[in-house]
Amino acid sequence: MSSENRNINDLIALIERNKVAAQGDKTWYNTSEVRGRAAKEDDPDADYDDDDEEEEAEPDYSDVRLLIFATPGPFTESLFPMIDQHELVYAVTDIPEEIIDIAMSNMQIRHVLIDMDKPSDPTKGVNIFSDLKTLNPKIQIFYCTRNPSTIEARSIQTKGAKLIQKPVLRKTVDKFITENFNL
């Protein structure tokens, strides 16, 4: 085996290990992290996880204006800093039931962003779109994907979802926020 093939095989093995590790680690998207992103206060350095009483309290989504369905990964790692520059209050979850609950309990949330690529589940994205549009036809849903020609992407686009093509560039995020949130 040549050294080039061995390097490629090592790289593939590393990628597979990282996939397995990422699937097992869901702590990044626990409720306290969603609340921490949703409940931005005047003190951006505040640690929302240290207070046991607050840990037991229901998260306050009253200031949230954007709801995001996404699984942790490179997409979220690049998207969040770009959104944070606009001081837009948003909540993130990868649990379909939670995103529907949050959106229906907080009618000020009029925009939802759905990640349609792995590691997020595109089928869950389609179901979330259908449920949200059924419960609140006025809600605006955007979806992010590398491949807008997939069955799932075409399905929700024909029903009114708007595409944000990946890779999502800073100017795309700036335009999205300016057009939808008047910031």
N, C-alpha and C. Protein backbone atom coordinates (compact mmCIF):
# COMPACT_ATOMS: atom_id res chain seq x y z
N MET A 1 0.86 -1.18 0.00
CA MET A 1 0.00 0.00 0.00
C MET A 1 0.90 1.23 0.00
N SER A 2 0.60 2.16 -0.90
CA SER A 2 1.41 3.37 -1.00
C SER A 2 1.13 4.28 0.19
N SER A 3 2.04 5.20 0.41
CA SER A 3 1.88 6.12 1.54
C SER A 3 0.68 7.04 1.33
N GLU A 4 0.37 7.37 0.08
CA GLU A 4 -0.78 8.22 -0.21
C GLU A 4 -2.09 7.50 0.16
N ASN A 5 -2.19 6.22 -0.20
CA ASN A 5 -3.40 5.45 0.15
C ASN A 5 -3.51 5.28 1.66
N ARG A 6 -2.39 5.08 2.33
CA ARG A 6 -2.40 4.92 3.78
C ARG A 6 -2.87 6.22 4.44
N ASN A 7 -2.42 7.39 3.94
CA ASN A 7 -2.85 8.68 4.48
C ASN A 7 -4.34 8.89 4.28
N ILE A 8 -4.85 8.51 3.12
CA ILE A 8 -6.28 8.64 2.85
C ILE A 8 -7.07 7.72 3.78
N ASN A 9 -6.60 6.50 3.96
CA ASN A 9 -7.28 5.57 4.86
C ASN A 9 -7.26 6.08 6.30
N ASP A 10 -6.14 6.66 6.72
CA ASP A 10 -6.05 7.24 8.07
C ASP A 10 -7.04 8.39 8.23
N LEU A 11 -7.15 9.22 7.19
CA LEU A 11 -8.07 10.35 7.22
C LEU A 11 -9.53 9.86 7.29
N ILE A 12 -9.86 8.86 6.52
CA ILE A 12 -11.22 8.29 6.55
C ILE A 12 -11.52 7.72 7.92
N ALA A 13 -10.57 7.02 8.52
CA ALA A 13 -10.76 6.46 9.86
C ALA A 13 -10.99 7.56 10.89
N LEU A 14 -10.24 8.65 10.78
CA LEU A 14 -10.40 9.78 11.69
C LEU A 14 -11.79 10.41 11.54
N ILE A 15 -12.24 10.58 10.31
CA ILE A 15 -13.57 11.14 10.07
C ILE A 15 -14.64 10.25 10.67
N GLU A 16 -14.53 8.95 10.49
CA GLU A 16 -15.52 8.02 11.04
C GLU A 16 -15.53 8.06 12.57
N ARG A 17 -14.35 8.15 13.20
CA ARG A 17 -14.30 8.26 14.66
C ARG A 17 -14.98 9.54 15.13
N ASN A 18 -14.75 10.64 14.43
CA ASN A 18 -15.37 11.91 14.81
C ASN A 18 -16.88 11.86 14.64
N LYS A 19 -17.37 11.18 13.60
CA LYS A 19 -18.82 11.04 13.42
C LYS A 19 -19.44 10.29 14.60
N VAL A 20 -18.80 9.19 14.98
CA VAL A 20 -19.32 8.39 16.09
C VAL A 20 -19.27 9.19 17.38
N ALA A 21 -18.19 9.93 17.60
CA ALA A 21 -18.07 10.75 18.82
C ALA A 21 -19.13 11.84 18.83
N ALA A 22 -19.38 12.47 17.70
CA ALA A 22 -20.37 13.54 17.64
C ALA A 22 -21.78 13.02 17.87
N GLN A 23 -22.07 11.82 17.41
CA GLN A 23 -23.41 11.26 17.60
C GLN A 23 -23.68 10.96 19.07
N GLY A 24 -22.66 10.61 19.80
CA GLY A 24 -22.84 10.28 21.21
C GLY A 24 -22.88 11.49 22.12
N ASP A 25 -22.38 12.66 21.67
CA ASP A 25 -22.29 13.84 22.52
C ASP A 25 -23.39 14.83 22.19
N LYS A 26 -24.47 14.81 22.97
CA LYS A 26 -25.59 15.72 22.75
C LYS A 26 -25.65 16.80 23.83
N THR A 27 -24.65 16.92 24.69
CA THR A 27 -24.71 17.87 25.78
C THR A 27 -24.67 19.31 25.30
N TRP A 28 -24.12 19.57 24.14
CA TRP A 28 -24.01 20.94 23.65
C TRP A 28 -25.38 21.56 23.45
N TYR A 29 -26.38 20.77 23.15
CA TYR A 29 -27.71 21.26 22.85
C TYR A 29 -28.70 20.95 23.95
N ASN A 30 -28.27 20.98 25.19
CA ASN A 30 -29.24 20.76 26.24
C ASN A 30 -30.05 22.03 26.46
N THR A 31 -31.09 21.95 27.25
CA THR A 31 -32.00 23.07 27.43
C THR A 31 -31.27 24.29 27.97
N SER A 32 -30.30 24.11 28.86
CA SER A 32 -29.63 25.27 29.42
C SER A 32 -28.85 26.03 28.35
N GLU A 33 -28.29 25.35 27.36
CA GLU A 33 -27.59 26.04 26.28
C GLU A 33 -28.58 26.81 25.42
N VAL A 34 -29.72 26.22 25.16
CA VAL A 34 -30.74 26.93 24.40
C VAL A 34 -31.17 28.16 25.16
N ARG A 35 -31.39 28.01 26.46
CA ARG A 35 -31.79 29.15 27.28
C ARG A 35 -30.69 30.19 27.29
N GLY A 36 -29.44 29.77 27.39
CA GLY A 36 -28.33 30.71 27.40
C GLY A 36 -28.29 31.53 26.13
N ARG A 37 -28.55 30.94 24.99
CA ARG A 37 -28.58 31.68 23.74
C ARG A 37 -29.85 32.52 23.67
N ALA A 38 -30.94 32.04 24.23
CA ALA A 38 -32.21 32.75 24.12
C ALA A 38 -32.30 33.90 25.09
N ALA A 39 -31.75 33.75 26.28
CA ALA A 39 -31.94 34.74 27.34
C ALA A 39 -30.72 35.64 27.47
N LYS A 40 -30.33 36.27 26.40
CA LYS A 40 -29.19 37.18 26.46
C LYS A 40 -29.58 38.39 27.29
N GLU A 41 -28.75 38.68 28.25
CA GLU A 41 -28.99 39.81 29.14
C GLU A 41 -28.01 40.92 28.79
N ASP A 42 -27.99 41.97 29.60
CA ASP A 42 -27.03 43.06 29.39
C ASP A 42 -25.60 42.58 29.58
N ASP A 43 -25.42 41.52 30.37
CA ASP A 43 -24.09 40.98 30.63
C ASP A 43 -23.84 39.78 29.72
N PRO A 44 -23.10 39.96 28.62
CA PRO A 44 -22.88 38.84 27.71
C PRO A 44 -21.99 37.75 28.28
N ASP A 45 -21.27 38.07 29.38
CA ASP A 45 -20.39 37.08 29.98
C ASP A 45 -21.08 36.29 31.09
N ALA A 46 -22.35 36.53 31.31
CA ALA A 46 -23.07 35.83 32.37
C ALA A 46 -23.08 34.34 32.09
N ASP A 47 -22.94 33.54 33.15
CA ASP A 47 -22.95 32.09 33.03
C ASP A 47 -24.30 31.58 33.50
N TYR A 48 -25.12 31.11 32.57
CA TYR A 48 -26.47 30.71 32.89
C TYR A 48 -26.54 29.30 33.48
N ASP A 49 -25.44 28.56 33.46
CA ASP A 49 -25.47 27.18 33.93
C ASP A 49 -25.15 27.04 35.42
N ASP A 50 -24.65 28.10 36.10
CA ASP A 50 -24.20 27.96 37.48
C ASP A 50 -25.33 28.03 38.50
N ASP A 51 -26.41 28.67 38.19
CA ASP A 51 -27.49 28.89 39.15
C ASP A 51 -28.46 27.72 39.12
N ASP A 52 -28.48 26.93 40.21
CA ASP A 52 -29.33 25.74 40.27
C ASP A 52 -30.81 26.09 40.18
N GLU A 53 -31.22 27.21 40.78
CA GLU A 53 -32.62 27.59 40.73
C GLU A 53 -33.03 27.92 39.30
N GLU A 54 -32.18 28.61 38.58
CA GLU A 54 -32.49 28.95 37.20
C GLU A 54 -32.49 27.70 36.33
N GLU A 55 -31.67 26.72 36.69
CA GLU A 55 -31.59 25.47 35.95
C GLU A 55 -32.93 24.76 35.93
N GLU A 56 -33.68 24.86 37.03
CA GLU A 56 -34.96 24.18 37.14
C GLU A 56 -36.09 25.00 36.53
N ALA A 57 -35.91 26.29 36.35
CA ALA A 57 -36.95 27.16 35.82
C ALA A 57 -37.12 26.93 34.32
N GLU A 58 -38.32 27.24 33.84
CA GLU A 58 -38.59 27.17 32.41
C GLU A 58 -37.79 28.24 31.69
N PRO A 59 -37.23 27.94 30.56
CA PRO A 59 -36.51 28.96 29.80
C PRO A 59 -37.46 30.08 29.37
N ASP A 60 -36.94 31.29 29.31
CA ASP A 60 -37.73 32.44 28.90
C ASP A 60 -37.38 32.75 27.44
N TYR A 61 -38.33 32.51 26.56
CA TYR A 61 -38.12 32.75 25.14
C TYR A 61 -38.80 34.03 24.67
N SER A 62 -39.17 34.91 25.59
CA SER A 62 -39.95 36.09 25.22
C SER A 62 -39.18 37.06 24.31
N ASP A 63 -37.86 37.04 24.32
CA ASP A 63 -37.07 37.93 23.47
C ASP A 63 -36.57 37.24 22.20
N VAL A 64 -36.83 35.95 22.07
CA VAL A 64 -36.34 35.20 20.91
C VAL A 64 -37.08 35.64 19.65
N ARG A 65 -36.30 35.89 18.60
CA ARG A 65 -36.91 36.29 17.33
C ARG A 65 -36.62 35.29 16.21
N LEU A 66 -35.61 34.43 16.42
CA LEU A 66 -35.27 33.42 15.43
C LEU A 66 -35.11 32.08 16.14
N LEU A 67 -35.73 31.06 15.59
CA LEU A 67 -35.63 29.71 16.12
C LEU A 67 -34.88 28.87 15.10
N ILE A 68 -33.88 28.12 15.57
CA ILE A 68 -33.03 27.36 14.66
C ILE A 68 -33.08 25.88 15.01
N PHE A 69 -33.35 25.05 14.00
CA PHE A 69 -33.28 23.59 14.15
C PHE A 69 -31.99 23.15 13.48
N ALA A 70 -31.03 22.71 14.30
CA ALA A 70 -29.74 22.26 13.77
C ALA A 70 -29.03 21.39 14.79
N THR A 71 -28.26 20.46 14.28
CA THR A 71 -27.43 19.61 15.11
C THR A 71 -26.03 20.21 15.13
N PRO A 72 -25.33 20.11 16.27
CA PRO A 72 -23.98 20.68 16.34
C PRO A 72 -23.07 20.16 15.23
N GLY A 73 -22.30 21.05 14.68
CA GLY A 73 -21.37 20.67 13.62
C GLY A 73 -20.73 21.90 13.02
N PRO A 74 -20.04 21.74 11.92
CA PRO A 74 -19.36 22.87 11.28
C PRO A 74 -20.33 23.99 10.89
N PHE A 75 -21.53 23.64 10.45
CA PHE A 75 -22.51 24.66 10.06
C PHE A 75 -22.85 25.56 11.24
N THR A 76 -23.19 24.97 12.38
CA THR A 76 -23.56 25.77 13.54
C THR A 76 -22.37 26.55 14.07
N GLU A 77 -21.19 25.96 14.03
CA GLU A 77 -20.00 26.64 14.52
C GLU A 77 -19.67 27.89 13.70
N SER A 78 -20.00 27.87 12.43
CA SER A 78 -19.74 29.06 11.61
C SER A 78 -20.91 30.03 11.63
N LEU A 79 -22.14 29.53 11.76
CA LEU A 79 -23.33 30.38 11.71
C LEU A 79 -23.50 31.24 12.95
N PHE A 80 -23.34 30.65 14.14
CA PHE A 80 -23.62 31.37 15.37
C PHE A 80 -22.80 32.64 15.56
N PRO A 81 -21.49 32.65 15.31
CA PRO A 81 -20.74 33.90 15.45
C PRO A 81 -21.22 34.99 14.50
N MET A 82 -21.66 34.61 13.31
CA MET A 82 -22.16 35.60 12.36
C MET A 82 -23.48 36.21 12.85
N ILE A 83 -24.35 35.38 13.42
CA ILE A 83 -25.62 35.89 13.95
C ILE A 83 -25.35 36.73 15.20
N ASP A 84 -24.43 36.28 16.05
CA ASP A 84 -24.13 37.00 17.28
C ASP A 84 -23.66 38.43 17.03
N GLN A 85 -23.02 38.69 15.91
CA GLN A 85 -22.57 40.05 15.61
C GLN A 85 -23.73 41.02 15.44
N HIS A 86 -24.90 40.50 15.16
CA HIS A 86 -26.08 41.34 14.97
C HIS A 86 -26.91 41.48 16.24
N GLU A 87 -26.50 40.85 17.30
CA GLU A 87 -27.21 40.89 18.57
C GLU A 87 -28.66 40.43 18.44
N LEU A 88 -28.89 39.50 17.54
CA LEU A 88 -30.20 38.91 17.36
C LEU A 88 -30.38 37.79 18.39
N VAL A 89 -31.48 37.81 19.11
CA VAL A 89 -31.73 36.79 20.12
C VAL A 89 -32.36 35.59 19.43
N TYR A 90 -31.75 34.42 19.60
CA TYR A 90 -32.22 33.22 18.94
C TYR A 90 -32.10 32.03 19.88
N ALA A 91 -32.86 30.99 19.56
CA ALA A 91 -32.80 29.74 20.32
C ALA A 91 -32.49 28.62 19.34
N VAL A 92 -31.75 27.62 19.82
CA VAL A 92 -31.31 26.53 18.97
C VAL A 92 -31.65 25.20 19.65
N THR A 93 -32.15 24.28 18.86
CA THR A 93 -32.39 22.94 19.37
C THR A 93 -32.32 21.95 18.22
N ASP A 94 -32.06 20.71 18.54
CA ASP A 94 -32.11 19.65 17.54
C ASP A 94 -33.20 18.64 17.90
N ILE A 95 -34.14 19.07 18.73
CA ILE A 95 -35.26 18.22 19.14
C ILE A 95 -36.53 18.76 18.48
N PRO A 96 -37.12 18.01 17.54
CA PRO A 96 -38.28 18.51 16.81
C PRO A 96 -39.45 18.94 17.69
N GLU A 97 -39.77 18.17 18.69
CA GLU A 97 -40.90 18.50 19.57
C GLU A 97 -40.65 19.82 20.29
N GLU A 98 -39.41 20.05 20.67
CA GLU A 98 -39.06 21.28 21.39
C GLU A 98 -39.18 22.50 20.49
N ILE A 99 -38.77 22.39 19.25
CA ILE A 99 -38.85 23.55 18.35
C ILE A 99 -40.31 23.92 18.09
N ILE A 100 -41.17 22.94 17.96
CA ILE A 100 -42.59 23.21 17.73
C ILE A 100 -43.21 23.81 18.98
N ASP A 101 -42.87 23.25 20.12
CA ASP A 101 -43.36 23.79 21.40
C ASP A 101 -42.97 25.26 21.58
N ILE A 102 -41.70 25.56 21.34
CA ILE A 102 -41.20 26.92 21.52
C ILE A 102 -41.91 27.87 20.55
N ALA A 103 -42.02 27.47 19.30
CA ALA A 103 -42.64 28.35 18.29
C ALA A 103 -44.11 28.59 18.59
N MET A 104 -44.83 27.59 19.04
CA MET A 104 -46.26 27.75 19.29
C MET A 104 -46.55 28.46 20.61
N SER A 105 -45.64 28.38 21.54
CA SER A 105 -45.82 29.05 22.84
C SER A 105 -45.35 30.50 22.81
N ASN A 106 -44.64 30.88 21.78
CA ASN A 106 -44.06 32.22 21.68
C ASN A 106 -44.36 32.78 20.29
N MET A 107 -45.51 33.36 20.15
CA MET A 107 -45.97 33.81 18.83
C MET A 107 -45.16 34.99 18.27
N GLN A 108 -44.29 35.61 19.08
CA GLN A 108 -43.44 36.67 18.54
C GLN A 108 -42.36 36.07 17.64
N ILE A 109 -42.14 34.76 17.73
CA ILE A 109 -41.17 34.10 16.85
C ILE A 109 -41.85 33.88 15.51
N ARG A 110 -41.39 34.64 14.53
CA ARG A 110 -42.01 34.55 13.21
C ARG A 110 -41.06 33.97 12.17
N HIS A 111 -39.84 33.62 12.59
CA HIS A 111 -38.84 33.10 11.66
C HIS A 111 -38.19 31.84 12.22
N VAL A 112 -38.12 30.81 11.39
CA VAL A 112 -37.49 29.55 11.77
C VAL A 112 -36.48 29.19 10.68
N LEU A 113 -35.31 28.75 11.12
CA LEU A 113 -34.26 28.32 10.20
C LEU A 113 -34.02 26.83 10.44
N ILE A 114 -34.10 26.04 9.38
CA ILE A 114 -33.95 24.59 9.49
C ILE A 114 -32.73 24.15 8.70
N ASP A 115 -31.83 23.43 9.36
CA ASP A 115 -30.67 22.84 8.68
C ASP A 115 -31.13 21.53 8.06
N MET A 116 -30.95 21.38 6.77
CA MET A 116 -31.44 20.20 6.04
C MET A 116 -30.32 19.23 5.67
N ASP A 117 -29.11 19.44 6.16
CA ASP A 117 -28.00 18.56 5.83
C ASP A 117 -27.55 17.79 7.08
N LYS A 118 -26.90 16.66 6.85
CA LYS A 118 -26.35 15.88 7.94
C LYS A 118 -25.33 16.73 8.68
N PRO A 119 -25.19 16.66 9.97
CA PRO A 119 -25.74 15.66 10.87
C PRO A 119 -27.19 15.90 11.27
N SER A 120 -27.80 17.03 10.87
CA SER A 120 -29.23 17.20 11.12
C SER A 120 -29.99 16.22 10.24
N ASP A 121 -31.19 15.88 10.66
CA ASP A 121 -32.00 14.91 9.93
C ASP A 121 -32.95 15.64 8.98
N PRO A 122 -32.75 15.52 7.66
CA PRO A 122 -33.61 16.23 6.70
C PRO A 122 -35.09 15.84 6.81
N THR A 123 -35.36 14.59 7.14
CA THR A 123 -36.75 14.15 7.28
C THR A 123 -37.42 14.87 8.45
N LYS A 124 -36.69 15.02 9.54
CA LYS A 124 -37.24 15.77 10.67
C LYS A 124 -37.47 17.22 10.28
N GLY A 125 -36.59 17.78 9.45
CA GLY A 125 -36.75 19.14 8.97
C GLY A 125 -38.04 19.31 8.18
N VAL A 126 -38.35 18.34 7.33
CA VAL A 126 -39.60 18.37 6.55
C VAL A 126 -40.80 18.29 7.48
N ASN A 127 -40.73 17.40 8.47
CA ASN A 127 -41.84 17.26 9.42
C ASN A 127 -42.04 18.54 10.23
N ILE A 128 -40.94 19.16 10.66
CA ILE A 128 -41.04 20.41 11.41
C ILE A 128 -41.69 21.47 10.53
N PHE A 129 -41.26 21.57 9.29
CA PHE A 129 -41.85 22.54 8.36
C PHE A 129 -43.37 22.32 8.27
N SER A 130 -43.79 21.09 8.03
CA SER A 130 -45.21 20.79 7.88
C SER A 130 -46.00 21.12 9.13
N ASP A 131 -45.47 20.73 10.29
CA ASP A 131 -46.16 20.98 11.55
C ASP A 131 -46.28 22.48 11.82
N LEU A 132 -45.19 23.21 11.64
CA LEU A 132 -45.22 24.65 11.90
C LEU A 132 -46.16 25.39 10.95
N LYS A 133 -46.13 25.04 9.68
CA LYS A 133 -47.00 25.70 8.70
C LYS A 133 -48.48 25.37 8.97
N THR A 134 -48.74 24.17 9.46
CA THR A 134 -50.11 23.80 9.80
C THR A 134 -50.60 24.58 11.01
N LEU A 135 -49.76 24.69 12.03
CA LEU A 135 -50.14 25.36 13.27
C LEU A 135 -50.11 26.89 13.15
N ASN A 136 -49.21 27.42 12.32
CA ASN A 136 -49.09 28.86 12.16
C ASN A 136 -48.71 29.18 10.71
N PRO A 137 -49.70 29.33 9.84
CA PRO A 137 -49.39 29.55 8.42
C PRO A 137 -48.60 30.82 8.14
N LYS A 138 -48.58 31.78 9.06
CA LYS A 138 -47.86 33.04 8.84
C LYS A 138 -46.37 32.95 9.15
N ILE A 139 -45.93 31.87 9.78
CA ILE A 139 -44.52 31.75 10.16
C ILE A 139 -43.67 31.62 8.89
N GLN A 140 -42.53 32.29 8.88
CA GLN A 140 -41.61 32.22 7.75
C GLN A 140 -40.53 31.19 8.05
N ILE A 141 -40.36 30.26 7.14
CA ILE A 141 -39.39 29.20 7.35
C ILE A 141 -38.33 29.27 6.26
N PHE A 142 -37.09 29.24 6.71
CA PHE A 142 -35.93 29.24 5.83
C PHE A 142 -35.22 27.91 6.05
N TYR A 143 -34.57 27.41 5.01
CA TYR A 143 -33.81 26.18 5.17
C TYR A 143 -32.45 26.34 4.54
N CYS A 144 -31.47 25.69 5.17
CA CYS A 144 -30.09 25.73 4.68
C CYS A 144 -29.71 24.35 4.19
N THR A 145 -29.12 24.31 3.01
CA THR A 145 -28.66 23.04 2.45
C THR A 145 -27.56 23.29 1.43
N ARG A 146 -26.72 22.28 1.26
CA ARG A 146 -25.71 22.32 0.21
C ARG A 146 -26.33 21.94 -1.13
N ASN A 147 -27.36 21.09 -1.07
CA ASN A 147 -27.95 20.53 -2.28
C ASN A 147 -29.45 20.79 -2.32
N PRO A 148 -29.87 21.89 -2.94
CA PRO A 148 -31.29 22.22 -2.98
C PRO A 148 -32.13 21.30 -3.86
N SER A 149 -31.49 20.35 -4.53
CA SER A 149 -32.25 19.45 -5.40
C SER A 149 -32.65 18.14 -4.71
N THR A 150 -32.38 18.01 -3.41
CA THR A 150 -32.82 16.80 -2.71
C THR A 150 -34.34 16.78 -2.62
N ILE A 151 -34.88 15.62 -2.41
CA ILE A 151 -36.34 15.46 -2.32
C ILE A 151 -36.89 16.32 -1.17
N GLU A 152 -36.22 16.28 -0.03
CA GLU A 152 -36.69 17.03 1.14
C GLU A 152 -36.66 18.53 0.89
N ALA A 153 -35.59 19.02 0.31
CA ALA A 153 -35.45 20.45 0.04
C ALA A 153 -36.48 20.92 -0.97
N ARG A 154 -36.67 20.17 -2.04
CA ARG A 154 -37.67 20.54 -3.04
C ARG A 154 -39.07 20.50 -2.46
N SER A 155 -39.31 19.54 -1.59
CA SER A 155 -40.64 19.40 -0.98
C SER A 155 -41.04 20.63 -0.19
N ILE A 156 -40.14 21.12 0.66
CA ILE A 156 -40.51 22.29 1.47
C ILE A 156 -40.41 23.59 0.70
N GLN A 157 -39.55 23.62 -0.32
CA GLN A 157 -39.45 24.84 -1.12
C GLN A 157 -40.73 25.06 -1.92
N THR A 158 -41.30 24.01 -2.46
CA THR A 158 -42.54 24.16 -3.22
C THR A 158 -43.70 24.57 -2.33
N LYS A 159 -43.56 24.36 -1.03
CA LYS A 159 -44.62 24.73 -0.09
C LYS A 159 -44.36 26.06 0.60
N GLY A 160 -43.29 26.76 0.19
CA GLY A 160 -43.09 28.11 0.69
C GLY A 160 -41.84 28.38 1.50
N ALA A 161 -41.02 27.39 1.78
CA ALA A 161 -39.78 27.64 2.51
C ALA A 161 -38.78 28.35 1.59
N LYS A 162 -37.93 29.17 2.17
CA LYS A 162 -36.95 29.93 1.39
C LYS A 162 -35.56 29.36 1.62
N LEU A 163 -34.82 29.22 0.54
CA LEU A 163 -33.49 28.62 0.57
C LEU A 163 -32.42 29.61 0.99
N ILE A 164 -31.53 29.15 1.86
CA ILE A 164 -30.27 29.84 2.14
C ILE A 164 -29.20 28.80 1.80
N GLN A 165 -28.51 29.03 0.69
CA GLN A 165 -27.56 28.07 0.15
C GLN A 165 -26.31 27.97 1.03
N LYS A 166 -25.85 26.75 1.27
CA LYS A 166 -24.59 26.53 1.97
C LYS A 166 -23.48 26.47 0.94
N PRO A 167 -22.28 26.86 1.28
CA PRO A 167 -21.89 27.42 2.57
C PRO A 167 -22.47 28.82 2.75
N VAL A 168 -22.92 29.08 3.96
CA VAL A 168 -23.55 30.35 4.27
C VAL A 168 -22.45 31.38 4.51
N LEU A 169 -22.45 32.40 3.71
CA LEU A 169 -21.44 33.44 3.80
C LEU A 169 -21.91 34.57 4.71
N ARG A 170 -20.98 35.32 5.23
CA ARG A 170 -21.30 36.44 6.13
C ARG A 170 -22.26 37.42 5.46
N LYS A 171 -22.05 37.75 4.20
CA LYS A 171 -22.93 38.70 3.53
C LYS A 171 -24.35 38.13 3.38
N THR A 172 -24.47 36.82 3.26
CA THR A 172 -25.79 36.19 3.19
C THR A 172 -26.51 36.32 4.53
N VAL A 173 -25.79 36.10 5.63
CA VAL A 173 -26.38 36.23 6.96
C VAL A 173 -26.76 37.69 7.21
N ASP A 174 -25.88 38.61 6.84
CA ASP A 174 -26.17 40.04 7.01
C ASP A 174 -27.45 40.42 6.26
N LYS A 175 -27.57 39.97 5.02
CA LYS A 175 -28.76 40.28 4.21
C LYS A 175 -30.00 39.64 4.82
N PHE A 176 -29.91 38.39 5.25
CA PHE A 176 -31.03 37.68 5.87
C PHE A 176 -31.53 38.43 7.10
N ILE A 177 -30.62 38.84 7.95
CA ILE A 177 -31.00 39.54 9.19
C ILE A 177 -31.55 40.92 8.89
N THR A 178 -30.92 41.64 7.98
CA THR A 178 -31.39 42.98 7.62
C THR A 178 -32.80 42.95 7.04
N GLU A 179 -33.04 41.99 6.14
CA GLU A 179 -34.35 41.91 5.47
C GLU A 179 -35.47 41.42 6.39
N ASN A 180 -35.13 40.61 7.39
CA ASN A 180 -36.17 39.98 8.20
C ASN A 180 -36.31 40.52 9.62
N PHE A 181 -35.29 41.21 10.12
CA PHE A 181 -35.33 41.60 11.53
C PHE A 181 -35.11 43.09 11.77
N ASN A 182 -34.92 43.86 10.73
CA ASN A 182 -34.74 45.33 10.87
C ASN A 182 -33.67 45.70 11.89
N LEU A 183 -32.56 45.01 11.87
CA LEU A 183 -31.46 45.33 12.79
C LEU A 183 -30.39 46.13 12.09
